[in-house]
């Protein structure tokens, strides 16, 4: 995602967000953008960054991804939490 953003500075983010919304994948896109920004320093257009930050569930998921990343390869996996993660990516209200 970070490379996509870097290599396409004229990317129509509004259209991308709309297509994700229509497809029911807005939160998945938001998580990808949050990870690209937080881990890889991708620069998001201000209105996109604001939308991503404004989604509370995406913020929680991004923190989970970060915690998982920094917990190291020998971290204990909790299957019940792992199974719930994809469900949280669905575009539903909390």
Protein backbone atom coordinates (compact mmCIF):
# COMPACT_ATOMS: atom_id res chain seq x y z
CA UNK A 1 0.00 0.00 0.00
CA UNK A 2 2.82 2.40 0.89
CA UNK A 3 4.53 1.74 -2.45
CA UNK A 4 1.26 2.24 -4.30
CA UNK A 5 0.88 5.64 -2.66
CA UNK A 6 4.51 6.63 -3.28
CA UNK A 7 4.51 5.54 -6.92
CA UNK A 8 1.19 7.18 -7.74
CA UNK A 9 1.20 10.70 -6.31
CA UNK A 10 -1.77 11.63 -8.51
CA UNK A 11 -3.85 8.72 -7.17
CA UNK A 12 -7.49 9.73 -6.99
CA UNK A 13 -8.02 8.94 -3.31
CA UNK A 14 -11.62 10.13 -3.30
CA UNK A 15 -12.48 7.64 -6.05
CA UNK A 16 -10.54 4.90 -4.28
CA UNK A 17 -12.42 5.54 -1.02
CA UNK A 18 -15.74 5.54 -2.85
CA UNK A 19 -14.99 2.27 -4.62
CA UNK A 20 -14.00 0.69 -1.31
CA UNK A 21 -17.20 1.95 0.29
CA UNK A 22 -19.36 0.54 -2.51
CA UNK A 23 -17.54 -2.80 -2.32
CA UNK A 24 -17.89 -2.96 1.47
CA UNK A 25 -14.13 -2.77 1.96
CA UNK A 26 -13.69 0.74 3.35
CA UNK A 27 -12.36 -0.45 6.70
CA UNK A 28 -9.93 -2.85 5.01
CA UNK A 29 -8.65 0.02 2.90
CA UNK A 30 -8.43 2.25 5.98
CA UNK A 31 -6.40 -0.38 7.82
CA UNK A 32 -4.03 -0.76 4.87
CA UNK A 33 -3.61 3.01 4.71
CA UNK A 34 -3.08 3.29 8.48
CA UNK A 35 -0.39 0.59 8.39
CA UNK A 36 1.24 2.20 5.34
CA UNK A 37 1.36 5.51 7.17
CA UNK A 38 2.37 4.21 10.62
CA UNK A 39 4.92 1.56 9.61
CA UNK A 40 6.22 2.78 6.29
CA UNK A 41 5.86 6.54 6.52
CA UNK A 42 3.47 6.83 3.59
CA UNK A 43 2.14 10.35 3.23
CA UNK A 44 -1.64 10.37 2.94
CA UNK A 45 -3.61 13.32 1.62
CA UNK A 46 -4.96 15.27 4.63
CA UNK A 47 -8.62 14.43 4.02
CA UNK A 48 -7.80 10.72 3.69
CA UNK A 49 -5.64 10.72 6.82
CA UNK A 50 -8.47 12.43 8.70
CA UNK A 51 -11.00 9.82 7.51
CA UNK A 52 -8.70 6.98 8.56
CA UNK A 53 -8.05 8.52 11.99
CA UNK A 54 -11.76 9.20 12.41
CA UNK A 55 -12.69 5.52 12.26
CA UNK A 56 -12.37 4.20 15.82
CA UNK A 57 -12.41 0.54 14.81
CA UNK A 58 -9.61 1.08 12.28
CA UNK A 59 -7.54 2.75 15.00
CA UNK A 60 -8.04 -0.25 17.29
CA UNK A 61 -7.17 -2.69 14.51
CA UNK A 62 -4.04 -0.73 13.60
CA UNK A 63 -2.93 -0.88 17.24
CA UNK A 64 -3.49 -4.65 17.20
CA UNK A 65 -1.39 -5.00 14.07
CA UNK A 66 1.36 -2.89 15.64
CA UNK A 67 1.28 -4.88 18.90
CA UNK A 68 1.41 -8.13 16.98
CA UNK A 69 4.32 -6.89 14.88
CA UNK A 70 6.37 -5.79 17.86
CA UNK A 71 5.56 -8.85 19.99
CA UNK A 72 8.09 -10.86 17.99
CA UNK A 73 7.87 -14.14 16.11
CA UNK A 74 7.59 -16.27 19.26
CA UNK A 75 4.49 -14.55 20.58
CA UNK A 76 1.70 -16.77 21.79
CA UNK A 77 -1.13 -16.73 19.28
CA UNK A 78 -4.61 -16.63 20.76
CA UNK A 79 -6.77 -18.39 18.15
CA UNK A 80 -10.02 -16.82 19.36
CA UNK A 81 -8.55 -13.35 18.83
CA UNK A 82 -7.05 -14.29 15.46
CA UNK A 83 -10.39 -15.66 14.26
CA UNK A 84 -12.19 -12.44 15.24
CA UNK A 85 -9.79 -10.13 13.40
CA UNK A 86 -11.23 -10.59 9.86
CA UNK A 87 -14.75 -10.01 11.18
CA UNK A 88 -13.65 -6.66 12.56
CA UNK A 89 -12.58 -5.58 9.09
CA UNK A 90 -16.15 -5.73 7.83
CA UNK A 91 -17.87 -2.42 7.10
CA UNK A 92 -20.44 -2.53 9.86
CA UNK A 93 -21.26 -0.05 12.54
CA UNK A 94 -19.96 -0.80 16.02
